[in-house]
Amino acid sequence: MRHPLTGGGMTVGINDAALLAKLLCPKQIEDFEDYDILEKKLRQFHVKRKNLDAVTHKSLFEEQAQEADDGIITTSLPTDGANDKVEEHLSVTGSLLVLVVATVLVSFCADYLVGSIDDIVESSGLSKTFLGLIVIPIVGNAAEHVTAIIVAMKDKMDLAIGVAVGSSLQIAIFVTPFMVLIGWIIDVPMSLYFSTFETAILFVSVFITNLVILDGESNWLEGAMLISTYLIIALAFFYYPDNVLN
């Protein structure tokens, strides 16, 4: 049998009934039309019924529980914004100008980087596939990596996952097909043909990523699994020769 309000078991229901009987007894509330006292008691009930060992941000609930014991609930009151610092933001025009300048600089850097790939291959012995799939994406997506780490440190994991997964989706379903069309227009041979090895790597990557983010939760073990998968793929392409892929 389930508790009709919370969905918990009979233990939860009995505990709620006992707690409400204690908080709403005539000794605690003489007049049930006194809505201020009634609201305070119901807030105390909300805090006290929490199982502090089964929720996140335990310290917040402990603080609320202490305030409830004192008969004071302040967490729901609006904070005084007089001492808050006003953050300055760029205007729309300034933001667009910075974006355009950054895009132009990145395009020059990308052109220089691509032009130096052949020299790097000859001097280092690394394959073009390894440079294109591992080295260049790390350098080119450095800003997105930093953004994802910063928002994750601020406990905004949904935004961090959105930045990481969104970048991959953008490359897979927009940039790559668009480059094929541009190559067709400028008469440069490009195609979406992938070898068996590359197709297998793509399938495994998508499968593991979907498995990790499907439940909407994350922990250090899932992060370690993703990093380990990336390192395995990097080692595979490091030792896999270009002539086999071609």
C-alpha atoms as a PDB file:
ATOM      1  CA  MET A   1       0.000   0.000   0.000  1.00  0.00           C
ATOM      2  CA  ARG A   2       1.268   3.471  -0.904  1.00  0.00           C
ATOM      3  CA  HIS A   3       0.928   6.785   0.818  1.00  0.00           C
ATOM      4  CA  PRO A   4      -1.765   8.701  -1.170  1.00  0.00           C
ATOM      5  CA  LEU A   5       0.171  11.985  -1.245  1.00  0.00           C
ATOM      6  CA  THR A   6       3.837  11.071  -1.414  1.00  0.00           C
ATOM      7  CA  GLY A   7       3.790   7.582  -2.928  1.00  0.00           C
ATOM      8  CA  GLY A   8       5.800   6.201  -0.008  1.00  0.00           C
ATOM      9  CA  GLY A   9       5.049   3.041   1.924  1.00  0.00           C
ATOM     10  CA  MET A  10       2.917   2.618   5.051  1.00  0.00           C
ATOM     11  CA  THR A  11       5.893   3.546   7.260  1.00  0.00           C
ATOM     12  CA  VAL A  12       6.047   6.929   5.573  1.00  0.00           C
ATOM     13  CA  GLY A  13       2.280   7.367   5.863  1.00  0.00           C
ATOM     14  CA  ILE A  14       2.224   6.520   9.579  1.00  0.00           C
ATOM     15  CA  ASN A  15       5.200   8.800  10.218  1.00  0.00           C
ATOM     16  CA  ASP A  16       3.460  11.683   8.386  1.00  0.00           C
ATOM     17  CA  ALA A  17       0.244  11.146  10.334  1.00  0.00           C
ATOM     18  CA  ALA A  18       2.077  11.119  13.659  1.00  0.00           C
ATOM     19  CA  LEU A  19       4.097  14.200  12.755  1.00  0.00           C
ATOM     20  CA  LEU A  20       0.996  16.130  11.635  1.00  0.00           C
ATOM     21  CA  ALA A  21      -0.845  15.122  14.824  1.00  0.00           C
ATOM     22  CA  LYS A  22       2.047  16.469  16.878  1.00  0.00           C
ATOM     23  CA  LEU A  23       2.381  19.750  14.973  1.00  0.00           C
ATOM     24  CA  LEU A  24      -1.349  20.470  14.624  1.00  0.00           C
ATOM     25  CA  CYS A  25      -2.488  19.480  18.091  1.00  0.00           C
ATOM     26  CA  PRO A  26      -4.575  22.026  20.096  1.00  0.00           C
ATOM     27  CA  LYS A  27      -1.561  22.843  22.256  1.00  0.00           C
ATOM     28  CA  GLN A  28       0.348  23.984  19.168  1.00  0.00           C
ATOM     29  CA  ILE A  29      -2.512  25.705  17.292  1.00  0.00           C
ATOM     30  CA  GLU A  30      -5.382  27.162  19.267  1.00  0.00           C
ATOM     31  CA  ASP A  31      -7.137  28.700  16.267  1.00  0.00           C
ATOM     32  CA  PHE A  32      -6.999  27.023  12.855  1.00  0.00           C
ATOM     33  CA  GLU A  33      -8.054  30.286  11.220  1.00  0.00           C
ATOM     34  CA  ASP A  34      -4.699  31.788  12.192  1.00  0.00           C
ATOM     35  CA  TYR A  35      -3.093  31.154   8.815  1.00  0.00           C
ATOM     36  CA  ASP A  36       0.335  32.475   9.790  1.00  0.00           C
ATOM     37  CA  ILE A  37       0.801  29.888  12.517  1.00  0.00           C
ATOM     38  CA  LEU A  38      -0.750  27.188  10.330  1.00  0.00           C
ATOM     39  CA  GLU A  39       1.654  28.000   7.489  1.00  0.00           C
ATOM     40  CA  LYS A  40       4.616  27.866   9.871  1.00  0.00           C
ATOM     41  CA  LYS A  41       3.562  24.452  11.183  1.00  0.00           C
ATOM     42  CA  LEU A  42       3.094  23.084   7.677  1.00  0.00           C
ATOM     43  CA  ARG A  43       6.550  24.323   6.728  1.00  0.00           C
ATOM     44  CA  GLN A  44       7.946  22.590   9.798  1.00  0.00           C
ATOM     45  CA  PHE A  45       6.175  19.422   8.668  1.00  0.00           C
ATOM     46  CA  HIS A  46       7.722  19.712   5.198  1.00  0.00           C
ATOM     47  CA  VAL A  47      11.229  20.025   6.648  1.00  0.00           C
ATOM     48  CA  LYS A  48      10.922  17.450   9.431  1.00  0.00           C
ATOM     49  CA  ARG A  49       9.531  14.706   7.182  1.00  0.00           C
ATOM     50  CA  LYS A  50      12.640  14.769   4.985  1.00  0.00           C
ATOM     51  CA  ASN A  51      14.857  11.728   5.277  1.00  0.00           C
ATOM     52  CA  LEU A  52      18.155  13.533   5.580  1.00  0.00           C
ATOM     53  CA  ASP A  53      20.156  10.458   4.579  1.00  0.00           C
ATOM     54  CA  ALA A  54      18.304  10.070   1.272  1.00  0.00           C
ATOM     55  CA  VAL A  55      18.458  13.568  -0.243  1.00  0.00           C
ATOM     56  CA  THR A  56      21.111  15.718  -1.831  1.00  0.00           C
ATOM     57  CA  HIS A  57      22.287  19.019  -0.308  1.00  0.00           C
ATOM     58  CA  LYS A  58      21.857  17.562   3.147  1.00  0.00           C
ATOM     59  CA  SER A  59      23.296  20.636   4.852  1.00  0.00           C
ATOM     60  CA  LEU A  60      20.473  22.813   3.495  1.00  0.00           C
ATOM     61  CA  PHE A  61      17.807  20.564   4.971  1.00  0.00           C
ATOM     62  CA  GLU A  62      19.686  20.358   8.280  1.00  0.00           C
ATOM     63  CA  GLU A  63      19.708  24.153   8.388  1.00  0.00           C
ATOM     64  CA  GLN A  64      15.998  24.270   7.637  1.00  0.00           C
ATOM     65  CA  ALA A  65      15.317  21.623  10.268  1.00  0.00           C
ATOM     66  CA  GLN A  66      17.156  23.698  12.879  1.00  0.00           C
ATOM     67  CA  GLU A  67      15.130  26.765  11.882  1.00  0.00           C
ATOM     68  CA  ALA A  68      11.955  24.700  12.097  1.00  0.00           C
ATOM     69  CA  ASP A  69      12.845  23.609  15.618  1.00  0.00           C
ATOM     70  CA  ASP A  70      13.301  27.276  16.516  1.00  0.00           C
ATOM     71  CA  GLY A  71       9.947  28.115  14.945  1.00  0.00           C
ATOM     72  CA  ILE A  72      11.526  30.319  12.263  1.00  0.00           C
ATOM     73  CA  ILE A  73      11.564  29.600   8.525  1.00  0.00           C
ATOM     74  CA  THR A  74      13.614  32.082   6.529  1.00  0.00           C
ATOM     75  CA  THR A  75      14.769  30.140   3.486  1.00  0.00           C
ATOM     76  CA  SER A  76      11.620  30.932   1.530  1.00  0.00           C
ATOM     77  CA  LEU A  77      11.815  34.667   2.175  1.00  0.00           C
ATOM     78  CA  PRO A  78      13.290  36.863  -0.577  1.00  0.00           C
ATOM     79  CA  THR A  79      16.824  37.972   0.093  1.00  0.00           C
ATOM     80  CA  ASP A  80      17.791  41.568   0.364  1.00  0.00           C
ATOM     81  CA  GLY A  81      19.458  42.523  -2.896  1.00  0.00           C
ATOM     82  CA  ALA A  82      20.884  45.789  -1.615  1.00  0.00           C
ATOM     83  CA  ASN A  83      24.354  44.312  -1.184  1.00  0.00           C
ATOM     84  CA  ASP A  84      24.318  42.264  -4.385  1.00  0.00           C
ATOM     85  CA  LYS A  85      26.883  43.306  -6.954  1.00  0.00           C
ATOM     86  CA  VAL A  86      25.511  44.270 -10.315  1.00  0.00           C
ATOM     87  CA  GLU A  87      27.231  42.256 -13.029  1.00  0.00           C
ATOM     88  CA  GLU A  88      28.144  44.137 -16.155  1.00  0.00           C
ATOM     89  CA  HIS A  89      27.400  42.493 -19.498  1.00  0.00           C
ATOM     90  CA  LEU A  90      28.315  43.317 -23.047  1.00  0.00           C
ATOM     91  CA  SER A  91      25.708  44.953 -25.205  1.00  0.00           C
ATOM     92  CA  VAL A  92      24.271  43.145 -28.224  1.00  0.00           C
ATOM     93  CA  THR A  93      26.413  45.204 -30.585  1.00  0.00           C
ATOM     94  CA  GLY A  94      29.551  44.600 -28.572  1.00  0.00           C
ATOM     95  CA  SER A  95      28.848  40.882 -28.345  1.00  0.00           C
ATOM     96  CA  LEU A  96      28.332  40.588 -32.108  1.00  0.00           C
ATOM     97  CA  LEU A  97      31.525  42.561 -32.757  1.00  0.00           C
ATOM     98  CA  VAL A  98      33.573  40.324 -30.456  1.00  0.00           C
ATOM     99  CA  LEU A  99      32.034  37.229 -32.076  1.00  0.00           C
ATOM    100  CA  VAL A 100      32.882  38.416 -35.600  1.00  0.00           C
ATOM    101  CA  VAL A 101      36.462  39.322 -34.659  1.00  0.00           C
ATOM    102  CA  ALA A 102      36.966  35.994 -32.887  1.00  0.00           C
ATOM    103  CA  THR A 103      35.539  34.093 -35.878  1.00  0.00           C
ATOM    104  CA  VAL A 104      37.897  35.833 -38.291  1.00  0.00           C
ATOM    105  CA  LEU A 105      40.926  35.154 -36.080  1.00  0.00           C
ATOM    106  CA  VAL A 106      39.925  31.505 -35.665  1.00  0.00           C
ATOM    107  CA  SER A 107      39.555  31.110 -39.440  1.00  0.00           C
ATOM    108  CA  PHE A 108      43.109  32.398 -39.990  1.00  0.00           C
ATOM    109  CA  CYS A 109      44.438  30.072 -37.275  1.00  0.00           C
ATOM    110  CA  ALA A 110      42.550  27.106 -38.749  1.00  0.00           C
ATOM    111  CA  ASP A 111      43.914  27.828 -42.231  1.00  0.00           C
ATOM    112  CA  TYR A 112      47.456  27.984 -40.867  1.00  0.00           C
ATOM    113  CA  LEU A 113      46.917  24.785 -38.888  1.00  0.00           C
ATOM    114  CA  VAL A 114      45.594  22.825 -41.859  1.00  0.00           C
ATOM    115  CA  GLY A 115      48.421  24.070 -44.056  1.00  0.00           C
ATOM    116  CA  SER A 116      51.009  22.761 -41.603  1.00  0.00           C
ATOM    117  CA  ILE A 117      49.553  19.235 -41.284  1.00  0.00           C
ATOM    118  CA  ASP A 118      51.747  17.751 -44.041  1.00  0.00           C
ATOM    119  CA  ASP A 119      54.925  19.106 -42.437  1.00  0.00           C
ATOM    120  CA  ILE A 120      53.840  17.765 -39.038  1.00  0.00           C
ATOM    121  CA  VAL A 121      53.168  14.322 -40.515  1.00  0.00           C
ATOM    122  CA  GLU A 122      56.602  14.202 -42.144  1.00  0.00           C
ATOM    123  CA  SER A 123      58.472  15.454 -39.079  1.00  0.00           C
ATOM    124  CA  SER A 124      56.590  13.576 -36.329  1.00  0.00           C
ATOM    125  CA  GLY A 125      55.525  10.381 -38.086  1.00  0.00           C
ATOM    126  CA  LEU A 126      51.923  10.753 -36.869  1.00  0.00           C
ATOM    127  CA  SER A 127      49.173   9.747 -39.260  1.00  0.00           C
ATOM    128  CA  LYS A 128      46.778  12.289 -40.769  1.00  0.00           C
ATOM    129  CA  THR A 129      43.868  10.318 -39.339  1.00  0.00           C
ATOM    130  CA  PHE A 130      45.214  10.619 -35.802  1.00  0.00           C
ATOM    131  CA  LEU A 131      45.846  14.342 -36.233  1.00  0.00           C
ATOM    132  CA  GLY A 132      42.408  14.934 -37.732  1.00  0.00           C
ATOM    133  CA  LEU A 133      40.425  12.878 -35.218  1.00  0.00           C
ATOM    134  CA  ILE A 134      42.355  13.430 -31.985  1.00  0.00           C
ATOM    135  CA  VAL A 135      44.801  16.350 -32.005  1.00  0.00           C
ATOM    136  CA  ILE A 136      42.943  18.981 -34.041  1.00  0.00           C
ATOM    137  CA  PRO A 137      39.557  18.489 -32.273  1.00  0.00           C
ATOM    138  CA  ILE A 138      41.256  18.916 -28.880  1.00  0.00           C
ATOM    139  CA  VAL A 139      42.822  22.194 -29.981  1.00  0.00           C
ATOM    140  CA  GLY A 140      39.800  23.432 -31.916  1.00  0.00           C
ATOM    141  CA  ASN A 141      37.286  22.664 -29.181  1.00  0.00           C
ATOM    142  CA  ALA A 142      39.390  23.956 -26.291  1.00  0.00           C
ATOM    143  CA  ALA A 143      36.939  26.796 -25.612  1.00  0.00           C
ATOM    144  CA  GLU A 144      33.993  24.389 -25.416  1.00  0.00           C
ATOM    145  CA  HIS A 145      35.960  22.098 -23.119  1.00  0.00           C
ATOM    146  CA  VAL A 146      36.692  24.979 -20.744  1.00  0.00           C
ATOM    147  CA  THR A 147      33.052  26.109 -20.843  1.00  0.00           C
ATOM    148  CA  ALA A 148      31.786  22.615 -20.020  1.00  0.00           C
ATOM    149  CA  ILE A 149      34.210  22.298 -17.098  1.00  0.00           C
ATOM    150  CA  ILE A 150      33.307  25.729 -15.696  1.00  0.00           C
ATOM    151  CA  VAL A 151      29.546  25.135 -15.772  1.00  0.00           C
ATOM    152  CA  ALA A 152      30.041  21.642 -14.309  1.00  0.00           C
ATOM    153  CA  MET A 153      31.996  23.152 -11.411  1.00  0.00           C
ATOM    154  CA  LYS A 154      29.017  25.452 -10.841  1.00  0.00           C
ATOM    155  CA  ASP A 155      26.758  22.374 -10.498  1.00  0.00           C
ATOM    156  CA  LYS A 156      25.014  22.948 -13.841  1.00  0.00           C
ATOM    157  CA  MET A 157      25.467  19.476 -15.241  1.00  0.00           C
ATOM    158  CA  ASP A 158      22.572  19.752 -17.681  1.00  0.00           C
ATOM    159  CA  LEU A 159      24.285  22.706 -19.354  1.00  0.00           C
ATOM    160  CA  ALA A 160      27.677  20.968 -19.309  1.00  0.00           C
ATOM    161  CA  ILE A 161      26.268  17.859 -20.991  1.00  0.00           C
ATOM    162  CA  GLY A 162      24.389  20.073 -23.438  1.00  0.00           C
ATOM    163  CA  VAL A 163      27.623  21.817 -24.443  1.00  0.00           C
ATOM    164  CA  ALA A 164      29.503  18.541 -24.894  1.00  0.00           C
ATOM    165  CA  VAL A 165      26.804  16.557 -26.681  1.00  0.00           C
ATOM    166  CA  GLY A 166      25.569  19.556 -28.661  1.00  0.00           C
ATOM    167  CA  SER A 167      29.012  20.106 -30.147  1.00  0.00           C
ATOM    168  CA  SER A 168      29.191  16.498 -31.308  1.00  0.00           C
ATOM    169  CA  LEU A 169      25.708  16.657 -32.816  1.00  0.00           C
ATOM    170  CA  GLN A 170      26.568  19.879 -34.620  1.00  0.00           C
ATOM    171  CA  ILE A 171      29.630  18.306 -36.240  1.00  0.00           C
ATOM    172  CA  ALA A 172      27.840  15.045 -37.100  1.00  0.00           C
ATOM    173  CA  ILE A 173      24.581  16.294 -38.592  1.00  0.00           C
ATOM    174  CA  PHE A 174      25.502  19.778 -39.853  1.00  0.00           C
ATOM    175  CA  VAL A 175      29.188  20.543 -40.366  1.00  0.00           C
ATOM    176  CA  THR A 176      30.172  17.259 -42.052  1.00  0.00           C
ATOM    177  CA  PRO A 177      27.280  17.166 -44.575  1.00  0.00           C
ATOM    178  CA  PHE A 178      27.737  20.893 -45.196  1.00  0.00           C
ATOM    179  CA  MET A 179      31.427  20.371 -46.006  1.00  0.00           C
ATOM    180  CA  VAL A 180      30.445  17.660 -48.486  1.00  0.00           C
ATOM    181  CA  LEU A 181      28.114  20.104 -50.245  1.00  0.00           C
ATOM    182  CA  ILE A 182      30.780  22.817 -50.254  1.00  0.00           C
ATOM    183  CA  GLY A 183      33.273  20.325 -51.699  1.00  0.00           C
ATOM    184  CA  TRP A 184      30.795  19.457 -54.437  1.00  0.00           C
ATOM    185  CA  ILE A 185      30.378  23.166 -55.271  1.00  0.00           C
ATOM    186  CA  ILE A 186      34.108  23.955 -55.407  1.00  0.00           C
ATOM    187  CA  ASP A 187      34.913  20.639 -57.120  1.00  0.00           C
ATOM    188  CA  VAL A 188      36.853  19.106 -54.236  1.00  0.00           C
ATOM    189  CA  PRO A 189      36.143  15.368 -53.789  1.00  0.00           C
ATOM    190  CA  MET A 190      34.559  14.704 -50.394  1.00  0.00           C
ATOM    191  CA  SER A 191      32.171  12.013 -49.278  1.00  0.00           C
ATOM    192  CA  LEU A 192      30.478  10.541 -46.221  1.00  0.00           C
ATOM    193  CA  TYR A 193      32.056   7.139 -46.791  1.00  0.00           C
ATOM    194  CA  PHE A 194      33.493   5.611 -43.606  1.00  0.00           C
ATOM    195  CA  SER A 195      35.564   2.475 -43.376  1.00  0.00           C
ATOM    196  CA  THR A 196      34.421  -0.461 -41.268  1.00  0.00           C
ATOM    197  CA  PHE A 197      36.805   0.482 -38.475  1.00  0.00           C
ATOM    198  CA  GLU A 198      35.610   4.104 -38.377  1.00  0.00           C
ATOM    199  CA  THR A 199      31.963   3.005 -38.461  1.00  0.00           C
ATOM    200  CA  ALA A 200      32.544   0.632 -35.528  1.00  0.00           C
ATOM    201  CA  ILE A 201      34.263   3.396 -33.540  1.00  0.00           C
ATOM    202  CA  LEU A 202      31.372   5.772 -34.252  1.00  0.00           C
ATOM    203  CA  PHE A 203      28.785   3.193 -33.195  1.00  0.00           C
ATOM    204  CA  VAL A 204      30.577   2.361 -29.930  1.00  0.00           C
ATOM    205  CA  SER A 205      31.035   6.051 -29.086  1.00  0.00           C
ATOM    206  CA  VAL A 206      27.361   6.889 -29.655  1.00  0.00           C
ATOM    207  CA  PHE A 207      26.196   3.780 -27.775  1.00  0.00           C
ATOM    208  CA  ILE A 208      28.315   4.470 -24.672  1.00  0.00           C
ATOM    209  CA  THR A 209      27.467   8.175 -24.606  1.00  0.00           C
ATOM    210  CA  ASN A 210      23.746   7.442 -24.885  1.00  0.00           C
ATOM    211  CA  LEU A 211      24.017   4.803 -22.155  1.00  0.00           C
ATOM    212  CA  VAL A 212      25.699   7.263 -19.796  1.00  0.00           C
ATOM    213  CA  ILE A 213      23.341  10.233 -20.240  1.00  0.00           C
ATOM    214  CA  LEU A 214      20.118   8.263 -20.669  1.00  0.00           C
ATOM    215  CA  ASP A 215      19.247   8.214 -16.954  1.00  0.00           C
ATOM    216  CA  GLY A 216      19.840  11.960 -16.525  1.00  0.00           C
ATOM    217  CA  GLU A 217      22.430  11.395 -13.776  1.00  0.00           C
ATOM    218  CA  SER A 218      26.205  11.376 -13.695  1.00  0.00           C
ATOM    219  CA  ASN A 219      28.996  10.354 -11.348  1.00  0.00           C
ATOM    220  CA  TRP A 220      32.761   9.938 -11.371  1.00  0.00           C
ATOM    221  CA  LEU A 221      32.576   6.343 -12.616  1.00  0.00           C
ATOM    222  CA  GLU A 222      30.628   7.298 -15.738  1.00  0.00           C
ATOM    223  CA  GLY A 223      33.075  10.121 -16.407  1.00  0.00           C
ATOM    224  CA  ALA A 224      36.016   7.743 -16.018  1.00  0.00           C
ATOM    225  CA  MET A 225      34.331   5.313 -18.410  1.00  0.00           C
ATOM    226  CA  LEU A 226      33.959   8.017 -21.069  1.00  0.00           C
ATOM    227  CA  ILE A 227      37.568   9.175 -20.670  1.00  0.00           C
ATOM    228  CA  SER A 228      38.793   5.576 -20.880  1.00  0.00           C
ATOM    229  CA  THR A 229      36.768   5.050 -24.064  1.00  0.00           C
ATOM    230  CA  TYR A 230      38.297   8.181 -25.584  1.00  0.00           C
ATOM    231  CA  LEU A 231      41.832   7.050 -24.697  1.00  0.00           C
ATOM    232  CA  ILE A 232      41.205   3.606 -26.222  1.00  0.00           C
ATOM    233  CA  ILE A 233      39.956   5.220 -29.441  1.00  0.00           C
ATOM    234  CA  ALA A 234      42.962   7.553 -29.510  1.00  0.00           C
ATOM    235  CA  LEU A 235      45.382   4.623 -29.122  1.00  0.00           C
ATOM    236  CA  ALA A 236      43.537   2.679 -31.814  1.00  0.00           C
ATOM    237  CA  PHE A 237      43.869   5.493 -34.351  1.00  0.00           C
ATOM    238  CA  PHE A 238      47.467   6.152 -33.291  1.00  0.00           C
ATOM    239  CA  TYR A 239      48.522   2.639 -34.333  1.00  0.00           C
ATOM    240  CA  TYR A 240      46.055   2.178 -37.206  1.00  0.00           C
ATOM    241  CA  PRO A 241      47.749   3.075 -40.512  1.00  0.00           C
ATOM    242  CA  ASP A 242      46.269   5.563 -42.981  1.00  0.00           C
ATOM    243  CA  ASN A 243      46.652   3.242 -45.964  1.00  0.00           C
ATOM    244  CA  VAL A 244      44.198   0.758 -44.398  1.00  0.00           C
ATOM    245  CA  LEU A 245      41.593   3.477 -43.904  1.00  0.00           C
ATOM    246  CA  ASN A 246      42.074   4.707 -47.437  1.00  0.00           C
END
